Amino acid sequence: PYTEGYWLPWLASAWLGAFLYFASSVARANGDMRLPGLMMVVT
């Protein structure tokens, strides 16, 4: 019962975390480390 109520929002948060991570990867590839680092702190 605990996992049943938790896994759907947890999987949604995992997908959104990946969405954010891919943007950070694009920024790092372009040489910007401050923006991804700042977003990691802010989030």
ModelCIF file with pLDDT and N, C-alpha, C, O atoms, coordinates in Angstrom:
data_MODEL
#
_entry.id   MODEL 
#
_entity.id                         1 
_entity.type                       polymer 
_entity.pdbx_number_of_molecules   1 
#
_entity_poly.entity_id                      1 
_entity_poly.type                           'polypeptide(L)' 
_entity_poly.nstd_linkage                   no 
_entity_poly.nstd_monomer                   no 
_entity_poly.pdbx_seq_one_letter_code       PYTEGYWLPWLASAWLGAFLYFASSVARANGDMRLPGLMMVVT 
_entity_poly.pdbx_seq_one_letter_code_can   PYTEGYWLPWLASAWLGAFLYFASSVARANGDMRLPGLMMVVT 
_entity_poly.pdbx_strand_id                 A 
#
loop_
_entity_poly_seq.entity_id 
_entity_poly_seq.num 
_entity_poly_seq.mon_id 
_entity_poly_seq.hetero 
1 1  PRO n 
1 2  TYR n 
1 3  THR n 
1 4  GLU n 
1 5  GLY n 
1 6  TYR n 
1 7  TRP n 
1 8  LEU n 
1 9  PRO n 
1 10 TRP n 
1 11 LEU n 
1 12 ALA n 
1 13 SER n 
1 14 ALA n 
1 15 TRP n 
1 16 LEU n 
1 17 GLY n 
1 18 ALA n 
1 19 PHE n 
1 20 LEU n 
1 21 TYR n 
1 22 PHE n 
1 23 ALA n 
1 24 SER n 
1 25 SER n 
1 26 VAL n 
1 27 ALA n 
1 28 ARG n 
1 29 ALA n 
1 30 ASN n 
1 31 GLY n 
1 32 ASP n 
1 33 MET n 
1 34 ARG n 
1 35 LEU n 
1 36 PRO n 
1 37 GLY n 
1 38 LEU n 
1 39 MET n 
1 40 MET n 
1 41 VAL n 
1 42 VAL n 
1 43 THR n 
#
_struct_asym.id          A 
_struct_asym.entity_id   1 
#
loop_
_ma_qa_metric.id 
_ma_qa_metric.mode 
_ma_qa_metric.name 
_ma_qa_metric.software_group_id 
_ma_qa_metric.type 
1 global pLDDT . pLDDT 
2 local  pLDDT . pLDDT 
#
_ma_qa_metric_global.metric_id      1 
_ma_qa_metric_global.metric_value   91.53 
_ma_qa_metric_global.model_id       1 
_ma_qa_metric_global.ordinal_id     1 
#
loop_
_ma_qa_metric_local.label_asym_id 
_ma_qa_metric_local.label_comp_id 
_ma_qa_metric_local.label_seq_id 
_ma_qa_metric_local.metric_id 
_ma_qa_metric_local.metric_value 
_ma_qa_metric_local.model_id 
_ma_qa_metric_local.ordinal_id 
A PRO 1  2 84.00 1 1  
A TYR 2  2 83.00 1 2  
A THR 3  2 83.00 1 3  
A GLU 4  2 83.00 1 4  
A GLY 5  2 87.00 1 5  
A TYR 6  2 91.00 1 6  
A TRP 7  2 91.00 1 7  
A LEU 8  2 94.00 1 8  
A PRO 9  2 95.00 1 9  
A TRP 10 2 94.00 1 10 
A LEU 11 2 95.00 1 11 
A ALA 12 2 96.00 1 12 
A SER 13 2 95.00 1 13 
A ALA 14 2 94.00 1 14 
A TRP 15 2 96.00 1 15 
A LEU 16 2 96.00 1 16 
A GLY 17 2 94.00 1 17 
A ALA 18 2 94.00 1 18 
A PHE 19 2 94.00 1 19 
A LEU 20 2 95.00 1 20 
A TYR 21 2 93.00 1 21 
A PHE 22 2 94.00 1 22 
A ALA 23 2 94.00 1 23 
A SER 24 2 92.00 1 24 
A SER 25 2 90.00 1 25 
A VAL 26 2 93.00 1 26 
A ALA 27 2 92.00 1 27 
A ARG 28 2 89.00 1 28 
A ALA 29 2 89.00 1 29 
A ASN 30 2 90.00 1 30 
A GLY 31 2 85.00 1 31 
A ASP 32 2 89.00 1 32 
A MET 33 2 88.00 1 33 
A ARG 34 2 91.00 1 34 
A LEU 35 2 92.00 1 35 
A PRO 36 2 92.00 1 36 
A GLY 37 2 91.00 1 37 
A LEU 38 2 92.00 1 38 
A MET 39 2 93.00 1 39 
A MET 40 2 92.00 1 40 
A VAL 41 2 92.00 1 41 
A VAL 42 2 94.00 1 42 
A THR 43 2 95.00 1 43 
#
loop_
_atom_site.group_PDB 
_atom_site.id 
_atom_site.type_symbol 
_atom_site.label_atom_id 
_atom_site.label_alt_id 
_atom_site.label_comp_id 
_atom_site.label_asym_id 
_atom_site.label_entity_id 
_atom_site.label_seq_id 
_atom_site.pdbx_PDB_ins_code 
_atom_site.Cartn_x 
_atom_site.Cartn_y 
_atom_site.Cartn_z 
_atom_site.occupancy 
_atom_site.B_iso_or_equiv 
_atom_site.pdbx_formal_charge 
_atom_site.auth_seq_id 
_atom_site.auth_comp_id 
_atom_site.auth_asym_id 
_atom_site.auth_atom_id 
_atom_site.pdbx_PDB_model_num 
ATOM 1   N N  . PRO A 1 1  ? 0.805  -1.227 0.000   1.00 84.00 ? 1  PRO A N  1 
ATOM 2   C CA . PRO A 1 1  ? 0.000  0.000  0.000   1.00 84.00 ? 1  PRO A CA 1 
ATOM 3   C C  . PRO A 1 1  ? 0.839  1.278  0.000   1.00 84.00 ? 1  PRO A C  1 
ATOM 4   O O  . PRO A 1 1  ? 0.453  2.276  -0.609  1.00 84.00 ? 1  PRO A O  1 
ATOM 5   N N  . TYR A 1 2  ? 1.984  1.246  0.682   1.00 83.00 ? 2  TYR A N  1 
ATOM 6   C CA . TYR A 1 2  ? 2.855  2.429  0.703   1.00 83.00 ? 2  TYR A CA 1 
ATOM 7   C C  . TYR A 1 2  ? 3.489  2.664  -0.666  1.00 83.00 ? 2  TYR A C  1 
ATOM 8   O O  . TYR A 1 2  ? 3.531  3.794  -1.153  1.00 83.00 ? 2  TYR A O  1 
ATOM 9   N N  . THR A 1 3  ? 3.975  1.599  -1.276  1.00 83.00 ? 3  THR A N  1 
ATOM 10  C CA . THR A 1 3  ? 4.604  1.749  -2.596  1.00 83.00 ? 3  THR A CA 1 
ATOM 11  C C  . THR A 1 3  ? 3.560  2.078  -3.662  1.00 83.00 ? 3  THR A C  1 
ATOM 12  O O  . THR A 1 3  ? 3.859  2.792  -4.619  1.00 83.00 ? 3  THR A O  1 
ATOM 13  N N  . GLU A 1 4  ? 2.345  1.566  -3.506  1.00 83.00 ? 4  GLU A N  1 
ATOM 14  C CA . GLU A 1 4  ? 1.298  1.810  -4.502  1.00 83.00 ? 4  GLU A CA 1 
ATOM 15  C C  . GLU A 1 4  ? 0.984  3.301  -4.608  1.00 83.00 ? 4  GLU A C  1 
ATOM 16  O O  . GLU A 1 4  ? 0.785  3.820  -5.706  1.00 83.00 ? 4  GLU A O  1 
ATOM 17  N N  . GLY A 1 5  ? 0.939  3.987  -3.470  1.00 87.00 ? 5  GLY A N  1 
ATOM 18  C CA . GLY A 1 5  ? 0.648  5.413  -3.506  1.00 87.00 ? 5  GLY A CA 1 
ATOM 19  C C  . GLY A 1 5  ? 1.852  6.276  -3.840  1.00 87.00 ? 5  GLY A C  1 
ATOM 20  O O  . GLY A 1 5  ? 1.702  7.444  -4.199  1.00 87.00 ? 5  GLY A O  1 
ATOM 21  N N  . TYR A 1 6  ? 3.049  5.706  -3.724  1.00 91.00 ? 6  TYR A N  1 
ATOM 22  C CA . TYR A 1 6  ? 4.272  6.491  -3.896  1.00 91.00 ? 6  TYR A CA 1 
ATOM 23  C C  . TYR A 1 6  ? 4.874  6.383  -5.290  1.00 91.00 ? 6  TYR A C  1 
ATOM 24  O O  . TYR A 1 6  ? 5.452  7.348  -5.790  1.00 91.00 ? 6  TYR A O  1 
ATOM 25  N N  . TRP A 1 7  ? 4.748  5.228  -5.920  1.00 91.00 ? 7  TRP A N  1 
ATOM 26  C CA . TRP A 1 7  ? 5.520  4.986  -7.135  1.00 91.00 ? 7  TRP A CA 1 
ATOM 27  C C  . TRP A 1 7  ? 5.093  5.849  -8.314  1.00 91.00 ? 7  TRP A C  1 
ATOM 28  O O  . TRP A 1 7  ? 5.946  6.242  -9.109  1.00 91.00 ? 7  TRP A O  1 
ATOM 29  N N  . LEU A 1 8  ? 3.809  6.159  -8.460  1.00 94.00 ? 8  LEU A N  1 
ATOM 30  C CA . LEU A 1 8  ? 3.404  6.981  -9.602  1.00 94.00 ? 8  LEU A CA 1 
ATOM 31  C C  . LEU A 1 8  ? 3.984  8.390  -9.512  1.00 94.00 ? 8  LEU A C  1 
ATOM 32  O O  . LEU A 1 8  ? 4.602  8.840  -10.476 1.00 94.00 ? 8  LEU A O  1 
ATOM 33  N N  . PRO A 1 9  ? 3.814  9.117  -8.386  1.00 95.00 ? 9  PRO A N  1 
ATOM 34  C CA . PRO A 1 9  ? 4.470  10.437 -8.316  1.00 95.00 ? 9  PRO A CA 1 
ATOM 35  C C  . PRO A 1 9  ? 5.995  10.342 -8.330  1.00 95.00 ? 9  PRO A C  1 
ATOM 36  O O  . PRO A 1 9  ? 6.667  11.236 -8.844  1.00 95.00 ? 9  PRO A O  1 
ATOM 37  N N  . TRP A 1 10 ? 6.546  9.257  -7.767  1.00 94.00 ? 10 TRP A N  1 
ATOM 38  C CA . TRP A 1 10 ? 8.006  9.114  -7.800  1.00 94.00 ? 10 TRP A CA 1 
ATOM 39  C C  . TRP A 1 10 ? 8.504  8.932  -9.233  1.00 94.00 ? 10 TRP A C  1 
ATOM 40  O O  . TRP A 1 10 ? 9.513  9.532  -9.606  1.00 94.00 ? 10 TRP A O  1 
ATOM 41  N N  . LEU A 1 11 ? 7.824  8.121  -10.044 1.00 95.00 ? 11 LEU A N  1 
ATOM 42  C CA . LEU A 1 11 ? 8.225  7.933  -11.436 1.00 95.00 ? 11 LEU A CA 1 
ATOM 43  C C  . LEU A 1 11 ? 8.053  9.230  -12.231 1.00 95.00 ? 11 LEU A C  1 
ATOM 44  O O  . LEU A 1 11 ? 8.858  9.532  -13.113 1.00 95.00 ? 11 LEU A O  1 
ATOM 45  N N  . ALA A 1 12 ? 6.996  9.998  -11.916 1.00 96.00 ? 12 ALA A N  1 
ATOM 46  C CA . ALA A 1 12 ? 6.831  11.301 -12.576 1.00 96.00 ? 12 ALA A CA 1 
ATOM 47  C C  . ALA A 1 12 ? 7.984  12.230 -12.216 1.00 96.00 ? 12 ALA A C  1 
ATOM 48  O O  . ALA A 1 12 ? 8.494  12.952 -13.074 1.00 96.00 ? 12 ALA A O  1 
ATOM 49  N N  . SER A 1 13 ? 8.394  12.214 -10.952 1.00 95.00 ? 13 SER A N  1 
ATOM 50  C CA . SER A 1 13 ? 9.529  13.051 -10.546 1.00 95.00 ? 13 SER A CA 1 
ATOM 51  C C  . SER A 1 13 ? 10.823 12.578 -11.195 1.00 95.00 ? 13 SER A C  1 
ATOM 52  O O  . SER A 1 13 ? 11.688 13.393 -11.515 1.00 95.00 ? 13 SER A O  1 
ATOM 53  N N  . ALA A 1 14 ? 10.964 11.265 -11.395 1.00 94.00 ? 14 ALA A N  1 
ATOM 54  C CA . ALA A 1 14 ? 12.162 10.730 -12.057 1.00 94.00 ? 14 ALA A CA 1 
ATOM 55  C C  . ALA A 1 14 ? 12.218 11.186 -13.509 1.00 94.00 ? 14 ALA A C  1 
ATOM 56  O O  . ALA A 1 14 ? 13.289 11.526 -14.012 1.00 94.00 ? 14 ALA A O  1 
ATOM 57  N N  . TRP A 1 15 ? 11.058 11.196 -14.192 1.00 96.00 ? 15 TRP A N  1 
ATOM 58  C CA . TRP A 1 15 ? 11.034 11.638 -15.587 1.00 96.00 ? 15 TRP A CA 1 
ATOM 59  C C  . TRP A 1 15 ? 11.359 13.126 -15.682 1.00 96.00 ? 15 TRP A C  1 
ATOM 60  O O  . TRP A 1 15 ? 12.122 13.539 -16.556 1.00 96.00 ? 15 TRP A O  1 
ATOM 61  N N  . LEU A 1 16 ? 10.789 13.931 -14.792 1.00 96.00 ? 16 LEU A N  1 
ATOM 62  C CA . LEU A 1 16 ? 11.078 15.365 -14.814 1.00 96.00 ? 16 LEU A CA 1 
ATOM 63  C C  . LEU A 1 16 ? 12.540 15.638 -14.442 1.00 96.00 ? 16 LEU A C  1 
ATOM 64  O O  . LEU A 1 16 ? 13.150 16.574 -14.958 1.00 96.00 ? 16 LEU A O  1 
ATOM 65  N N  . GLY A 1 17 ? 13.096 14.819 -13.546 1.00 94.00 ? 17 GLY A N  1 
ATOM 66  C CA . GLY A 1 17 ? 14.512 14.953 -13.228 1.00 94.00 ? 17 GLY A CA 1 
ATOM 67  C C  . GLY A 1 17 ? 15.391 14.675 -14.435 1.00 94.00 ? 17 GLY A C  1 
ATOM 68  O O  . GLY A 1 17 ? 16.390 15.360 -14.654 1.00 94.00 ? 17 GLY A O  1 
ATOM 69  N N  . ALA A 1 18 ? 15.016 13.659 -15.227 1.00 94.00 ? 18 ALA A N  1 
ATOM 70  C CA . ALA A 1 18 ? 15.761 13.371 -16.462 1.00 94.00 ? 18 ALA A CA 1 
ATOM 71  C C  . ALA A 1 18 ? 15.628 14.520 -17.457 1.00 94.00 ? 18 ALA A C  1 
ATOM 72  O O  . ALA A 1 18 ? 16.600 14.890 -18.116 1.00 94.00 ? 18 ALA A O  1 
ATOM 73  N N  . PHE A 1 19 ? 14.424 15.084 -17.568 1.00 94.00 ? 19 PHE A N  1 
ATOM 74  C CA . PHE A 1 19 ? 14.174 16.227 -18.456 1.00 94.00 ? 19 PHE A CA 1 
ATOM 75  C C  . PHE A 1 19 ? 15.099 17.389 -18.096 1.00 94.00 ? 19 PHE A C  1 
ATOM 76  O O  . PHE A 1 19 ? 15.674 18.026 -18.979 1.00 94.00 ? 19 PHE A O  1 
ATOM 77  N N  . LEU A 1 20 ? 15.241 17.662 -16.802 1.00 95.00 ? 20 LEU A N  1 
ATOM 78  C CA . LEU A 1 20 ? 16.136 18.718 -16.338 1.00 95.00 ? 20 LEU A CA 1 
ATOM 79  C C  . LEU A 1 20 ? 17.597 18.354 -16.578 1.00 95.00 ? 20 LEU A C  1 
ATOM 80  O O  . LEU A 1 20 ? 18.400 19.211 -16.948 1.00 95.00 ? 20 LEU A O  1 
ATOM 81  N N  . TYR A 1 21 ? 17.944 17.083 -16.366 1.00 93.00 ? 21 TYR A N  1 
ATOM 82  C CA . TYR A 1 21 ? 19.334 16.640 -16.529 1.00 93.00 ? 21 TYR A CA 1 
ATOM 83  C C  . TYR A 1 21 ? 19.796 16.784 -17.981 1.00 93.00 ? 21 TYR A C  1 
ATOM 84  O O  . TYR A 1 21 ? 20.943 17.156 -18.227 1.00 93.00 ? 21 TYR A O  1 
ATOM 85  N N  . PHE A 1 22 ? 18.915 16.494 -18.945 1.00 94.00 ? 22 PHE A N  1 
ATOM 86  C CA . PHE A 1 22 ? 19.296 16.615 -20.349 1.00 94.00 ? 22 PHE A CA 1 
ATOM 87  C C  . PHE A 1 22 ? 19.583 18.077 -20.707 1.00 94.00 ? 22 PHE A C  1 
ATOM 88  O O  . PHE A 1 22 ? 20.503 18.355 -21.477 1.00 94.00 ? 22 PHE A O  1 
ATOM 89  N N  . ALA A 1 23 ? 18.804 19.010 -20.154 1.00 94.00 ? 23 ALA A N  1 
ATOM 90  C CA . ALA A 1 23 ? 19.087 20.430 -20.382 1.00 94.00 ? 23 ALA A CA 1 
ATOM 91  C C  . ALA A 1 23 ? 20.439 20.810 -19.788 1.00 94.00 ? 23 ALA A C  1 
ATOM 92  O O  . ALA A 1 23 ? 21.196 21.570 -20.392 1.00 94.00 ? 23 ALA A O  1 
ATOM 93  N N  . SER A 1 24 ? 20.741 20.281 -18.604 1.00 92.00 ? 24 SER A N  1 
ATOM 94  C CA . SER A 1 24 ? 22.040 20.549 -17.979 1.00 92.00 ? 24 SER A CA 1 
ATOM 95  C C  . SER A 1 24 ? 23.180 19.996 -18.831 1.00 92.00 ? 24 SER A C  1 
ATOM 96  O O  . SER A 1 24 ? 24.236 20.619 -18.934 1.00 92.00 ? 24 SER A O  1 
ATOM 97  N N  . SER A 1 25 ? 22.972 18.827 -19.444 1.00 90.00 ? 25 SER A N  1 
ATOM 98  C CA . SER A 1 25 ? 23.999 18.231 -20.301 1.00 90.00 ? 25 SER A CA 1 
ATOM 99  C C  . SER A 1 25 ? 24.270 19.102 -21.516 1.00 90.00 ? 25 SER A C  1 
ATOM 100 O O  . SER A 1 25 ? 25.421 19.256 -21.926 1.00 90.00 ? 25 SER A O  1 
ATOM 101 N N  . VAL A 1 26 ? 23.211 19.678 -22.099 1.00 93.00 ? 26 VAL A N  1 
ATOM 102 C CA . VAL A 1 26 ? 23.380 20.574 -23.248 1.00 93.00 ? 26 VAL A CA 1 
ATOM 103 C C  . VAL A 1 26 ? 24.176 21.809 -22.839 1.00 93.00 ? 26 VAL A C  1 
ATOM 104 O O  . VAL A 1 26 ? 25.066 22.249 -23.567 1.00 93.00 ? 26 VAL A O  1 
ATOM 105 N N  . ALA A 1 27 ? 23.852 22.373 -21.663 1.00 92.00 ? 27 ALA A N  1 
ATOM 106 C CA . ALA A 1 27 ? 24.576 23.562 -21.197 1.00 92.00 ? 27 ALA A CA 1 
ATOM 107 C C  . ALA A 1 27 ? 26.048 23.238 -20.935 1.00 92.00 ? 27 ALA A C  1 
ATOM 108 O O  . ALA A 1 27 ? 26.930 24.013 -21.304 1.00 92.00 ? 27 ALA A O  1 
ATOM 109 N N  . ARG A 1 28 ? 26.312 22.093 -20.297 1.00 89.00 ? 28 ARG A N  1 
ATOM 110 C CA . ARG A 1 28 ? 27.700 21.713 -20.023 1.00 89.00 ? 28 ARG A CA 1 
ATOM 111 C C  . ARG A 1 28 ? 28.470 21.486 -21.319 1.00 89.00 ? 28 ARG A C  1 
ATOM 112 O O  . ARG A 1 28 ? 29.636 21.869 -21.424 1.00 89.00 ? 28 ARG A O  1 
ATOM 113 N N  . ALA A 1 29 ? 27.828 20.867 -22.303 1.00 89.00 ? 29 ALA A N  1 
ATOM 114 C CA . ALA A 1 29 ? 28.492 20.627 -23.586 1.00 89.00 ? 29 ALA A CA 1 
ATOM 115 C C  . ALA A 1 29 ? 28.885 21.937 -24.258 1.00 89.00 ? 29 ALA A C  1 
ATOM 116 O O  . ALA A 1 29 ? 29.871 21.992 -24.993 1.00 89.00 ? 29 ALA A O  1 
ATOM 117 N N  . ASN A 1 30 ? 28.104 23.004 -24.000 1.00 90.00 ? 30 ASN A N  1 
ATOM 118 C CA . ASN A 1 30 ? 28.404 24.312 -24.578 1.00 90.00 ? 30 ASN A CA 1 
ATOM 119 C C  . ASN A 1 30 ? 29.354 25.130 -23.709 1.00 90.00 ? 30 ASN A C  1 
ATOM 120 O O  . ASN A 1 30 ? 29.605 26.305 -23.979 1.00 90.00 ? 30 ASN A O  1 
ATOM 121 N N  . GLY A 1 31 ? 29.880 24.491 -22.655 1.00 85.00 ? 31 GLY A N  1 
ATOM 122 C CA . GLY A 1 31 ? 30.899 25.140 -21.847 1.00 85.00 ? 31 GLY A CA 1 
ATOM 123 C C  . GLY A 1 31 ? 30.380 25.935 -20.667 1.00 85.00 ? 31 GLY A C  1 
ATOM 124 O O  . GLY A 1 31 ? 31.161 26.599 -19.985 1.00 85.00 ? 31 GLY A O  1 
ATOM 125 N N  . ASP A 1 32 ? 29.063 25.885 -20.403 1.00 89.00 ? 32 ASP A N  1 
ATOM 126 C CA . ASP A 1 32 ? 28.495 26.625 -19.277 1.00 89.00 ? 32 ASP A CA 1 
ATOM 127 C C  . ASP A 1 32 ? 28.289 25.670 -18.102 1.00 89.00 ? 32 ASP A C  1 
ATOM 128 O O  . ASP A 1 32 ? 27.374 24.848 -18.123 1.00 89.00 ? 32 ASP A O  1 
ATOM 129 N N  . MET A 1 33 ? 29.131 25.776 -17.089 1.00 88.00 ? 33 MET A N  1 
ATOM 130 C CA . MET A 1 33 ? 29.003 24.950 -15.897 1.00 88.00 ? 33 MET A CA 1 
ATOM 131 C C  . MET A 1 33 ? 28.238 25.666 -14.782 1.00 88.00 ? 33 MET A C  1 
ATOM 132 O O  . MET A 1 33 ? 27.685 25.025 -13.888 1.00 88.00 ? 33 MET A O  1 
ATOM 133 N N  . ARG A 1 34 ? 28.214 26.983 -14.844 1.00 91.00 ? 34 ARG A N  1 
ATOM 134 C CA . ARG A 1 34 ? 27.593 27.733 -13.756 1.00 91.00 ? 34 ARG A CA 1 
ATOM 135 C C  . ARG A 1 34 ? 26.080 27.551 -13.737 1.00 91.00 ? 34 ARG A C  1 
ATOM 136 O O  . ARG A 1 34 ? 25.489 27.367 -12.673 1.00 91.00 ? 34 ARG A O  1 
ATOM 137 N N  . LEU A 1 35 ? 25.455 27.602 -14.904 1.00 92.00 ? 35 LEU A N  1 
ATOM 138 C CA . LEU A 1 35 ? 23.995 27.459 -14.951 1.00 92.00 ? 35 LEU A CA 1 
ATOM 139 C C  . LEU A 1 35 ? 23.535 26.090 -14.444 1.00 92.00 ? 35 LEU A C  1 
ATOM 140 O O  . LEU A 1 35 ? 22.644 26.042 -13.596 1.00 92.00 ? 35 LEU A O  1 
ATOM 141 N N  . PRO A 1 36 ? 24.106 24.957 -14.928 1.00 92.00 ? 36 PRO A N  1 
ATOM 142 C CA . PRO A 1 36 ? 23.699 23.657 -14.364 1.00 92.00 ? 36 PRO A CA 1 
ATOM 143 C C  . PRO A 1 36 ? 23.997 23.539 -12.877 1.00 92.00 ? 36 PRO A C  1 
ATOM 144 O O  . PRO A 1 36 ? 23.181 23.010 -12.123 1.00 92.00 ? 36 PRO A O  1 
ATOM 145 N N  . GLY A 1 37 ? 25.178 24.035 -12.439 1.00 91.00 ? 37 GLY A N  1 
ATOM 146 C CA . GLY A 1 37 ? 25.512 23.974 -11.018 1.00 91.00 ? 37 GLY A CA 1 
ATOM 147 C C  . GLY A 1 37 ? 24.543 24.783 -10.179 1.00 91.00 ? 37 GLY A C  1 
ATOM 148 O O  . GLY A 1 37 ? 24.117 24.344 -9.111  1.00 91.00 ? 37 GLY A O  1 
ATOM 149 N N  . LEU A 1 38 ? 24.191 25.982 -10.670 1.00 92.00 ? 38 LEU A N  1 
ATOM 150 C CA . LEU A 1 38 ? 23.244 26.825 -9.951  1.00 92.00 ? 38 LEU A CA 1 
ATOM 151 C C  . LEU A 1 38 ? 21.870 26.164 -9.872  1.00 92.00 ? 38 LEU A C  1 
ATOM 152 O O  . LEU A 1 38 ? 21.209 26.224 -8.835  1.00 92.00 ? 38 LEU A O  1 
ATOM 153 N N  . MET A 1 39 ? 21.437 25.532 -10.968 1.00 93.00 ? 39 MET A N  1 
ATOM 154 C CA . MET A 1 39 ? 20.131 24.874 -10.968 1.00 93.00 ? 39 MET A CA 1 
ATOM 155 C C  . MET A 1 39 ? 20.110 23.674 -10.031 1.00 93.00 ? 39 MET A C  1 
ATOM 156 O O  . MET A 1 39 ? 19.086 23.400 -9.404  1.00 93.00 ? 39 MET A O  1 
ATOM 157 N N  . MET A 1 40 ? 21.220 22.960 -9.927  1.00 92.00 ? 40 MET A N  1 
ATOM 158 C CA . MET A 1 40 ? 21.293 21.849 -8.976  1.00 92.00 ? 40 MET A CA 1 
ATOM 159 C C  . MET A 1 40 ? 21.114 22.352 -7.544  1.00 92.00 ? 40 MET A C  1 
ATOM 160 O O  . MET A 1 40 ? 20.437 21.721 -6.733  1.00 92.00 ? 40 MET A O  1 
ATOM 161 N N  . VAL A 1 41 ? 21.736 23.504 -7.246  1.00 92.00 ? 41 VAL A N  1 
ATOM 162 C CA . VAL A 1 41 ? 21.604 24.081 -5.907  1.00 92.00 ? 41 VAL A CA 1 
ATOM 163 C C  . VAL A 1 41 ? 20.182 24.575 -5.675  1.00 92.00 ? 41 VAL A C  1 
ATOM 164 O O  . VAL A 1 41 ? 19.590 24.300 -4.632  1.00 92.00 ? 41 VAL A O  1 
ATOM 165 N N  . VAL A 1 42 ? 19.632 25.308 -6.648  1.00 94.00 ? 42 VAL A N  1 
ATOM 166 C CA . VAL A 1 42 ? 18.295 25.893 -6.500  1.00 94.00 ? 42 VAL A CA 1 
ATOM 167 C C  . VAL A 1 42 ? 17.231 24.812 -6.340  1.00 94.00 ? 42 VAL A C  1 
ATOM 168 O O  . VAL A 1 42 ? 16.392 24.893 -5.442  1.00 94.00 ? 42 VAL A O  1 
ATOM 169 N N  . THR A 1 43 ? 17.265 23.790 -7.216  1.00 95.00 ? 43 THR A N  1 
ATOM 170 C CA . THR A 1 43 ? 16.251 22.739 -7.129  1.00 95.00 ? 43 THR A CA 1 
ATOM 171 C C  . THR A 1 43 ? 16.378 21.945 -5.831  1.00 95.00 ? 43 THR A C  1 
ATOM 172 O O  . THR A 1 43 ? 15.602 21.019 -5.595  1.00 95.00 ? 43 THR A O  1 
#
